[in-house]
Amino acid sequence: MRPAYHALLVAAIACGAPQRAPVAGSPATPQQRTDTAATATMDTTAGAALIPPGLGTLRQDDVALRLDVFSLQVRALPLDESILRTLAADSYRALRDLRESQREQLDAIARRTGGSSTTFALWYVSFFGAELGETRFSPMDLVISSVGRDFRPLSVLPLTPGFAQHRLRQRETHSAVYVFEGQLDANQPLIVTYETTRNSDWTATLQRIERERMLIRSRGRS
């Protein structure tokens, strides 16, 4: 991916401005028709009926988990297609494009691990320096626990220049795509841990996501 485009994509993800859902009965916009066509294959291969894209109203903060660790803020958001479709259209497209931009690297990881790039569980993780001075972070200290198992990243794919230095200035953000084994299901209860700080709010977040799915199905029928 070209660096300039990559920077714009990450900026769009960070902003994540919500977009109003289409009015029931109104014709689909060209972009919505494009989104539907682009994700038709994913509907078929997902093994379950997915809600249609472009009708969600949730913000990224509605489906992200946050951890405050002294002067560091950690934010983790699943790139699972079934969850991304509950987001407002702009956020959905930005995060979907981010995920697909990593396809070549994911294929390389799949060859190395003997897995499949289409079954990895991907998360968008950012680190933010909240206080004056320099803050260090350890990318591999982030662990997700689910169904009685701790999942550690198979790989971390940096998105911002300087991520590999593991240092943040005040109000600086570094982000990456985290690659986990496919058995990590974001539609199941889970706990995100960074060092000794835990966030177990995902069960409540799943309830919010499921309510939005029901609303989207209703909009789709209308």
C-alpha atoms as a PDB file:
ATOM      1  CA  MET A   1       0.000   0.000   0.000  1.00  0.00           C
ATOM      2  CA  ARG A   2       1.260   3.487  -0.842  1.00  0.00           C
ATOM      3  CA  PRO A   3       2.368   5.341   2.324  1.00  0.00           C
ATOM      4  CA  ALA A   4       0.208   8.394   1.613  1.00  0.00           C
ATOM      5  CA  TYR A   5      -2.926   6.296   1.144  1.00  0.00           C
ATOM      6  CA  HIS A   6      -2.060   4.262   4.219  1.00  0.00           C
ATOM      7  CA  ALA A   7      -1.806   7.435   6.328  1.00  0.00           C
ATOM      8  CA  LEU A   8      -5.183   8.647   5.064  1.00  0.00           C
ATOM      9  CA  LEU A   9      -6.752   5.272   5.815  1.00  0.00           C
ATOM     10  CA  VAL A  10      -5.464   5.203   9.388  1.00  0.00           C
ATOM     11  CA  ALA A  11      -6.665   8.800   9.880  1.00  0.00           C
ATOM     12  CA  ALA A  12     -10.128   7.846   8.669  1.00  0.00           C
ATOM     13  CA  ILE A  13     -10.210   4.937  11.097  1.00  0.00           C
ATOM     14  CA  ALA A  14      -9.125   7.149  13.977  1.00  0.00           C
ATOM     15  CA  CYS A  15     -11.824   9.717  13.228  1.00  0.00           C
ATOM     16  CA  GLY A  16     -14.558   7.152  12.641  1.00  0.00           C
ATOM     17  CA  ALA A  17     -17.291   9.754  12.198  1.00  0.00           C
ATOM     18  CA  PRO A  18     -20.700   8.061  12.441  1.00  0.00           C
ATOM     19  CA  GLN A  19     -23.004   8.265   9.465  1.00  0.00           C
ATOM     20  CA  ARG A  20     -26.799   8.296   9.615  1.00  0.00           C
ATOM     21  CA  ALA A  21     -28.486   5.129   8.445  1.00  0.00           C
ATOM     22  CA  PRO A  22     -30.479   5.375   5.177  1.00  0.00           C
ATOM     23  CA  VAL A  23     -34.148   6.194   5.509  1.00  0.00           C
ATOM     24  CA  ALA A  24     -36.332   3.134   5.090  1.00  0.00           C
ATOM     25  CA  GLY A  25     -37.603   2.814   1.542  1.00  0.00           C
ATOM     26  CA  SER A  26     -35.031   5.196   0.050  1.00  0.00           C
ATOM     27  CA  PRO A  27     -32.985   3.926  -2.920  1.00  0.00           C
ATOM     28  CA  ALA A  28     -29.482   2.660  -2.238  1.00  0.00           C
ATOM     29  CA  THR A  29     -26.657   5.013  -3.093  1.00  0.00           C
ATOM     30  CA  PRO A  30     -24.004   3.936  -5.644  1.00  0.00           C
ATOM     31  CA  GLN A  31     -21.523   3.434  -2.786  1.00  0.00           C
ATOM     32  CA  GLN A  32     -23.948   1.201  -0.888  1.00  0.00           C
ATOM     33  CA  ARG A  33     -24.526  -0.873  -4.032  1.00  0.00           C
ATOM     34  CA  THR A  34     -20.754  -1.168  -4.431  1.00  0.00           C
ATOM     35  CA  ASP A  35     -20.347  -2.235  -0.802  1.00  0.00           C
ATOM     36  CA  THR A  36     -23.034  -4.879  -1.192  1.00  0.00           C
ATOM     37  CA  ALA A  37     -21.427  -6.294  -4.332  1.00  0.00           C
ATOM     38  CA  ALA A  38     -17.943  -6.245  -2.831  1.00  0.00           C
ATOM     39  CA  THR A  39     -19.036  -8.221   0.214  1.00  0.00           C
ATOM     40  CA  ALA A  40     -21.295 -10.731  -1.530  1.00  0.00           C
ATOM     41  CA  THR A  41     -18.489 -13.290  -1.586  1.00  0.00           C
ATOM     42  CA  MET A  42     -17.932 -12.871   2.148  1.00  0.00           C
ATOM     43  CA  ASP A  43     -21.660 -13.488   2.722  1.00  0.00           C
ATOM     44  CA  THR A  44     -21.370 -16.800   0.887  1.00  0.00           C
ATOM     45  CA  THR A  45     -18.172 -17.999   2.527  1.00  0.00           C
ATOM     46  CA  ALA A  46     -18.986 -16.922   6.072  1.00  0.00           C
ATOM     47  CA  GLY A  47     -21.189 -19.961   6.583  1.00  0.00           C
ATOM     48  CA  ALA A  48     -23.977 -17.865   8.130  1.00  0.00           C
ATOM     49  CA  ALA A  49     -26.341 -15.147   7.017  1.00  0.00           C
ATOM     50  CA  LEU A  50     -24.620 -11.815   7.612  1.00  0.00           C
ATOM     51  CA  ILE A  51     -26.477  -8.570   8.057  1.00  0.00           C
ATOM     52  CA  PRO A  52     -26.192  -6.268   5.019  1.00  0.00           C
ATOM     53  CA  PRO A  53     -23.402  -3.669   5.057  1.00  0.00           C
ATOM     54  CA  GLY A  54     -23.998   0.069   5.046  1.00  0.00           C
ATOM     55  CA  LEU A  55     -27.001   0.141   7.397  1.00  0.00           C
ATOM     56  CA  GLY A  56     -25.245   0.245  10.776  1.00  0.00           C
ATOM     57  CA  THR A  57     -25.142   3.216  13.129  1.00  0.00           C
ATOM     58  CA  LEU A  58     -22.613   2.184  15.798  1.00  0.00           C
ATOM     59  CA  ARG A  59     -19.408   4.149  16.335  1.00  0.00           C
ATOM     60  CA  GLN A  60     -16.003   2.505  16.605  1.00  0.00           C
ATOM     61  CA  ASP A  61     -15.914   3.377  20.300  1.00  0.00           C
ATOM     62  CA  ASP A  62     -19.107   1.350  20.724  1.00  0.00           C
ATOM     63  CA  VAL A  63     -17.302  -1.873  19.753  1.00  0.00           C
ATOM     64  CA  ALA A  64     -13.791  -1.144  21.041  1.00  0.00           C
ATOM     65  CA  LEU A  65     -12.294  -2.152  24.381  1.00  0.00           C
ATOM     66  CA  ARG A  66     -10.073   0.326  26.243  1.00  0.00           C
ATOM     67  CA  LEU A  67      -7.419  -0.223  28.891  1.00  0.00           C
ATOM     68  CA  ASP A  68      -5.755   2.566  30.856  1.00  0.00           C
ATOM     69  CA  VAL A  69      -2.281   1.508  31.979  1.00  0.00           C
ATOM     70  CA  PHE A  70      -0.596   4.354  33.843  1.00  0.00           C
ATOM     71  CA  SER A  71       0.373   6.870  31.107  1.00  0.00           C
ATOM     72  CA  LEU A  72      -0.673   4.520  28.298  1.00  0.00           C
ATOM     73  CA  GLN A  73      -4.085   3.981  26.735  1.00  0.00           C
ATOM     74  CA  VAL A  74      -4.687   0.790  24.772  1.00  0.00           C
ATOM     75  CA  ARG A  75      -7.652   0.362  22.408  1.00  0.00           C
ATOM     76  CA  ALA A  76      -8.584  -2.963  20.793  1.00  0.00           C
ATOM     77  CA  LEU A  77     -11.257  -3.446  18.114  1.00  0.00           C
ATOM     78  CA  PRO A  78     -12.080  -6.702  16.269  1.00  0.00           C
ATOM     79  CA  LEU A  79     -11.968  -6.684  12.471  1.00  0.00           C
ATOM     80  CA  ASP A  80     -14.527  -9.488  12.289  1.00  0.00           C
ATOM     81  CA  GLU A  81     -16.820  -8.891   9.293  1.00  0.00           C
ATOM     82  CA  SER A  82     -20.002  -9.678  11.214  1.00  0.00           C
ATOM     83  CA  ILE A  83     -19.131  -7.008  13.784  1.00  0.00           C
ATOM     84  CA  LEU A  84     -17.843  -4.401  11.336  1.00  0.00           C
ATOM     85  CA  ARG A  85     -21.217  -4.435   9.562  1.00  0.00           C
ATOM     86  CA  THR A  86     -22.886  -2.933  12.626  1.00  0.00           C
ATOM     87  CA  LEU A  87     -20.764   0.224  12.221  1.00  0.00           C
ATOM     88  CA  ALA A  88     -21.727   3.380  10.352  1.00  0.00           C
ATOM     89  CA  ALA A  89     -20.926   3.154   6.648  1.00  0.00           C
ATOM     90  CA  ASP A  90     -17.726   5.258   6.663  1.00  0.00           C
ATOM     91  CA  SER A  91     -16.200   3.332   9.560  1.00  0.00           C
ATOM     92  CA  TYR A  92     -17.199   0.018   8.020  1.00  0.00           C
ATOM     93  CA  ARG A  93     -15.508   0.828   4.711  1.00  0.00           C
ATOM     94  CA  ALA A  94     -12.348   2.181   6.357  1.00  0.00           C
ATOM     95  CA  LEU A  95     -11.863  -0.850   8.597  1.00  0.00           C
ATOM     96  CA  ARG A  96     -12.777  -3.319   5.859  1.00  0.00           C
ATOM     97  CA  ASP A  97     -10.238  -1.674   3.530  1.00  0.00           C
ATOM     98  CA  LEU A  98      -7.644  -1.756   6.300  1.00  0.00           C
ATOM     99  CA  ARG A  99      -8.191  -5.474   6.777  1.00  0.00           C
ATOM    100  CA  GLU A 100      -7.999  -6.225   3.067  1.00  0.00           C
ATOM    101  CA  SER A 101      -4.840  -4.097   2.698  1.00  0.00           C
ATOM    102  CA  GLN A 102      -3.015  -6.674   4.836  1.00  0.00           C
ATOM    103  CA  ARG A 103      -3.935  -9.612   2.601  1.00  0.00           C
ATOM    104  CA  GLU A 104      -0.423 -10.129   1.170  1.00  0.00           C
ATOM    105  CA  GLN A 105       1.169 -10.177   4.618  1.00  0.00           C
ATOM    106  CA  LEU A 106      -1.548 -12.474   5.933  1.00  0.00           C
ATOM    107  CA  ASP A 107      -0.887 -14.905   3.092  1.00  0.00           C
ATOM    108  CA  ALA A 108       2.799 -14.931   4.066  1.00  0.00           C
ATOM    109  CA  ILE A 109       1.911 -15.666   7.699  1.00  0.00           C
ATOM    110  CA  ALA A 110      -0.399 -18.459   6.568  1.00  0.00           C
ATOM    111  CA  ARG A 111       2.417 -20.064   4.560  1.00  0.00           C
ATOM    112  CA  ARG A 112       4.730 -19.817   7.549  1.00  0.00           C
ATOM    113  CA  THR A 113       2.262 -21.213  10.092  1.00  0.00           C
ATOM    114  CA  GLY A 114       0.454 -23.700   7.880  1.00  0.00           C
ATOM    115  CA  GLY A 115      -2.846 -21.916   8.450  1.00  0.00           C
ATOM    116  CA  SER A 116      -5.238 -20.017   6.213  1.00  0.00           C
ATOM    117  CA  SER A 117      -5.199 -16.242   5.807  1.00  0.00           C
ATOM    118  CA  THR A 118      -9.002 -16.209   5.518  1.00  0.00           C
ATOM    119  CA  THR A 119      -9.514 -17.766   8.961  1.00  0.00           C
ATOM    120  CA  PHE A 120      -7.214 -15.602  11.080  1.00  0.00           C
ATOM    121  CA  ALA A 121      -8.848 -13.490  13.775  1.00  0.00           C
ATOM    122  CA  LEU A 122      -7.729  -9.888  13.202  1.00  0.00           C
ATOM    123  CA  TRP A 123      -7.844  -6.998  15.664  1.00  0.00           C
ATOM    124  CA  TYR A 124      -7.021  -3.317  15.210  1.00  0.00           C
ATOM    125  CA  VAL A 125      -4.980  -2.219  18.246  1.00  0.00           C
ATOM    126  CA  SER A 126      -3.717   1.267  19.045  1.00  0.00           C
ATOM    127  CA  PHE A 127      -1.446   2.642  21.785  1.00  0.00           C
ATOM    128  CA  PHE A 128      -1.782   6.269  22.899  1.00  0.00           C
ATOM    129  CA  GLY A 129       0.652   8.235  25.054  1.00  0.00           C
ATOM    130  CA  ALA A 130      -1.514  10.150  27.523  1.00  0.00           C
ATOM    131  CA  GLU A 131       1.083  11.952  29.665  1.00  0.00           C
ATOM    132  CA  LEU A 132       4.045  14.266  29.292  1.00  0.00           C
ATOM    133  CA  GLY A 133       7.315  12.624  28.366  1.00  0.00           C
ATOM    134  CA  GLU A 134       8.047   9.314  26.708  1.00  0.00           C
ATOM    135  CA  THR A 135       5.976   6.192  27.269  1.00  0.00           C
ATOM    136  CA  ARG A 136       7.127   2.718  26.297  1.00  0.00           C
ATOM    137  CA  PHE A 137       4.772  -0.064  25.240  1.00  0.00           C
ATOM    138  CA  SER A 138       5.174  -3.797  24.662  1.00  0.00           C
ATOM    139  CA  PRO A 139       3.033  -5.002  21.726  1.00  0.00           C
ATOM    140  CA  MET A 140       3.287  -8.691  22.586  1.00  0.00           C
ATOM    141  CA  ASP A 141       1.969  -8.144  26.117  1.00  0.00           C
ATOM    142  CA  LEU A 142      -1.582  -7.922  24.795  1.00  0.00           C
ATOM    143  CA  VAL A 143      -3.489 -11.185  25.347  1.00  0.00           C
ATOM    144  CA  ILE A 144      -7.117 -12.077  24.610  1.00  0.00           C
ATOM    145  CA  SER A 145      -8.748 -14.792  26.729  1.00  0.00           C
ATOM    146  CA  SER A 146     -11.810 -16.682  25.510  1.00  0.00           C
ATOM    147  CA  VAL A 147     -13.447 -20.089  26.088  1.00  0.00           C
ATOM    148  CA  GLY A 148     -10.894 -20.932  28.754  1.00  0.00           C
ATOM    149  CA  ARG A 149      -7.864 -20.209  26.579  1.00  0.00           C
ATOM    150  CA  ASP A 150      -5.340 -17.389  26.300  1.00  0.00           C
ATOM    151  CA  PHE A 151      -4.683 -16.219  22.734  1.00  0.00           C
ATOM    152  CA  ARG A 152      -1.386 -14.488  22.041  1.00  0.00           C
ATOM    153  CA  PRO A 153      -0.739 -12.789  18.692  1.00  0.00           C
ATOM    154  CA  LEU A 154       0.796 -14.894  15.943  1.00  0.00           C
ATOM    155  CA  SER A 155       2.051 -11.686  14.374  1.00  0.00           C
ATOM    156  CA  VAL A 156       1.745  -7.911  14.684  1.00  0.00           C
ATOM    157  CA  LEU A 157       1.517  -5.875  11.459  1.00  0.00           C
ATOM    158  CA  PRO A 158       2.497  -2.227  12.157  1.00  0.00           C
ATOM    159  CA  LEU A 159       0.429   0.513  10.547  1.00  0.00           C
ATOM    160  CA  THR A 160       2.246   3.629  11.762  1.00  0.00           C
ATOM    161  CA  PRO A 161       5.889   4.632  11.237  1.00  0.00           C
ATOM    162  CA  GLY A 162       7.934   4.166  14.378  1.00  0.00           C
ATOM    163  CA  PHE A 163       5.733   1.405  15.816  1.00  0.00           C
ATOM    164  CA  ALA A 164       8.737  -0.921  16.037  1.00  0.00           C
ATOM    165  CA  GLN A 165      10.489   1.514  18.394  1.00  0.00           C
ATOM    166  CA  HIS A 166       7.832   0.802  21.046  1.00  0.00           C
ATOM    167  CA  ARG A 167       7.914   4.393  22.277  1.00  0.00           C
ATOM    168  CA  LEU A 168       5.293   7.133  22.373  1.00  0.00           C
ATOM    169  CA  ARG A 169       5.527  10.849  22.877  1.00  0.00           C
ATOM    170  CA  GLN A 170       2.679  12.669  24.610  1.00  0.00           C
ATOM    171  CA  ARG A 171      -0.531  12.502  22.524  1.00  0.00           C
ATOM    172  CA  GLU A 172       1.118  10.248  19.954  1.00  0.00           C
ATOM    173  CA  THR A 173      -0.617   7.119  18.682  1.00  0.00           C
ATOM    174  CA  HIS A 174       0.862   3.953  17.194  1.00  0.00           C
ATOM    175  CA  SER A 175      -1.349   1.240  15.748  1.00  0.00           C
ATOM    176  CA  ALA A 176      -1.139  -2.221  14.230  1.00  0.00           C
ATOM    177  CA  VAL A 177      -3.203  -5.134  13.000  1.00  0.00           C
ATOM    178  CA  TYR A 178      -2.906  -8.083  15.386  1.00  0.00           C
ATOM    179  CA  VAL A 179      -3.149 -11.571  13.932  1.00  0.00           C
ATOM    180  CA  PHE A 180      -4.574 -14.329  16.139  1.00  0.00           C
ATOM    181  CA  GLU A 181      -5.535 -17.929  15.529  1.00  0.00           C
ATOM    182  CA  GLY A 182      -8.932 -18.342  13.919  1.00  0.00           C
ATOM    183  CA  GLN A 183     -10.355 -20.092  16.988  1.00  0.00           C
ATOM    184  CA  LEU A 184     -10.555 -16.688  18.674  1.00  0.00           C
ATOM    185  CA  ASP A 185     -14.198 -15.789  18.009  1.00  0.00           C
ATOM    186  CA  ALA A 186     -15.124 -12.158  18.624  1.00  0.00           C
ATOM    187  CA  ASN A 187     -18.789 -13.191  18.847  1.00  0.00           C
ATOM    188  CA  GLN A 188     -18.054 -15.029  22.098  1.00  0.00           C
ATOM    189  CA  PRO A 189     -17.364 -13.504  25.550  1.00  0.00           C
ATOM    190  CA  LEU A 190     -13.708 -12.564  25.939  1.00  0.00           C
ATOM    191  CA  ILE A 191     -11.299 -10.584  28.089  1.00  0.00           C
ATOM    192  CA  VAL A 192      -8.506  -8.343  26.792  1.00  0.00           C
ATOM    193  CA  THR A 193      -5.429  -8.050  28.998  1.00  0.00           C
ATOM    194  CA  TYR A 194      -2.422  -5.793  28.661  1.00  0.00           C
ATOM    195  CA  GLU A 195       0.285  -6.587  31.192  1.00  0.00           C
ATOM    196  CA  THR A 196      -1.788  -6.796  34.417  1.00  0.00           C
ATOM    197  CA  THR A 197      -4.740  -4.612  33.327  1.00  0.00           C
ATOM    198  CA  ARG A 198      -7.900  -6.402  32.179  1.00  0.00           C
ATOM    199  CA  ASN A 199     -11.052  -5.319  30.385  1.00  0.00           C
ATOM    200  CA  SER A 200     -13.989  -7.722  30.644  1.00  0.00           C
ATOM    201  CA  ASP A 201     -16.688  -5.452  29.163  1.00  0.00           C
ATOM    202  CA  TRP A 202     -17.052  -7.470  25.971  1.00  0.00           C
ATOM    203  CA  THR A 203     -20.169  -9.327  27.130  1.00  0.00           C
ATOM    204  CA  ALA A 204     -22.030  -6.012  27.449  1.00  0.00           C
ATOM    205  CA  THR A 205     -20.569  -4.901  24.114  1.00  0.00           C
ATOM    206  CA  LEU A 206     -21.913  -8.053  22.434  1.00  0.00           C
ATOM    207  CA  GLN A 207     -25.398  -7.209  23.713  1.00  0.00           C
ATOM    208  CA  ARG A 208     -25.110  -3.759  22.101  1.00  0.00           C
ATOM    209  CA  ILE A 209     -23.908  -5.364  18.860  1.00  0.00           C
ATOM    210  CA  GLU A 210     -26.780  -7.860  18.808  1.00  0.00           C
ATOM    211  CA  ARG A 211     -29.353  -5.094  19.350  1.00  0.00           C
ATOM    212  CA  GLU A 212     -27.873  -3.236  16.390  1.00  0.00           C
ATOM    213  CA  ARG A 213     -28.022  -6.392  14.258  1.00  0.00           C
ATOM    214  CA  MET A 214     -31.723  -6.719  14.999  1.00  0.00           C
ATOM    215  CA  LEU A 215     -32.284  -3.081  13.996  1.00  0.00           C
ATOM    216  CA  ILE A 216     -30.292  -3.557  10.779  1.00  0.00           C
ATOM    217  CA  ARG A 217     -32.350  -6.620   9.821  1.00  0.00           C
ATOM    218  CA  SER A 218     -35.470  -4.549  10.394  1.00  0.00           C
ATOM    219  CA  ARG A 219     -34.108  -1.746   8.196  1.00  0.00           C
ATOM    220  CA  GLY A 220     -33.145  -4.271   5.547  1.00  0.00           C
ATOM    221  CA  ARG A 221     -36.697  -5.674   5.438  1.00  0.00           C
ATOM    222  CA  SER A 222     -38.071  -2.160   5.138  1.00  0.00           C
END
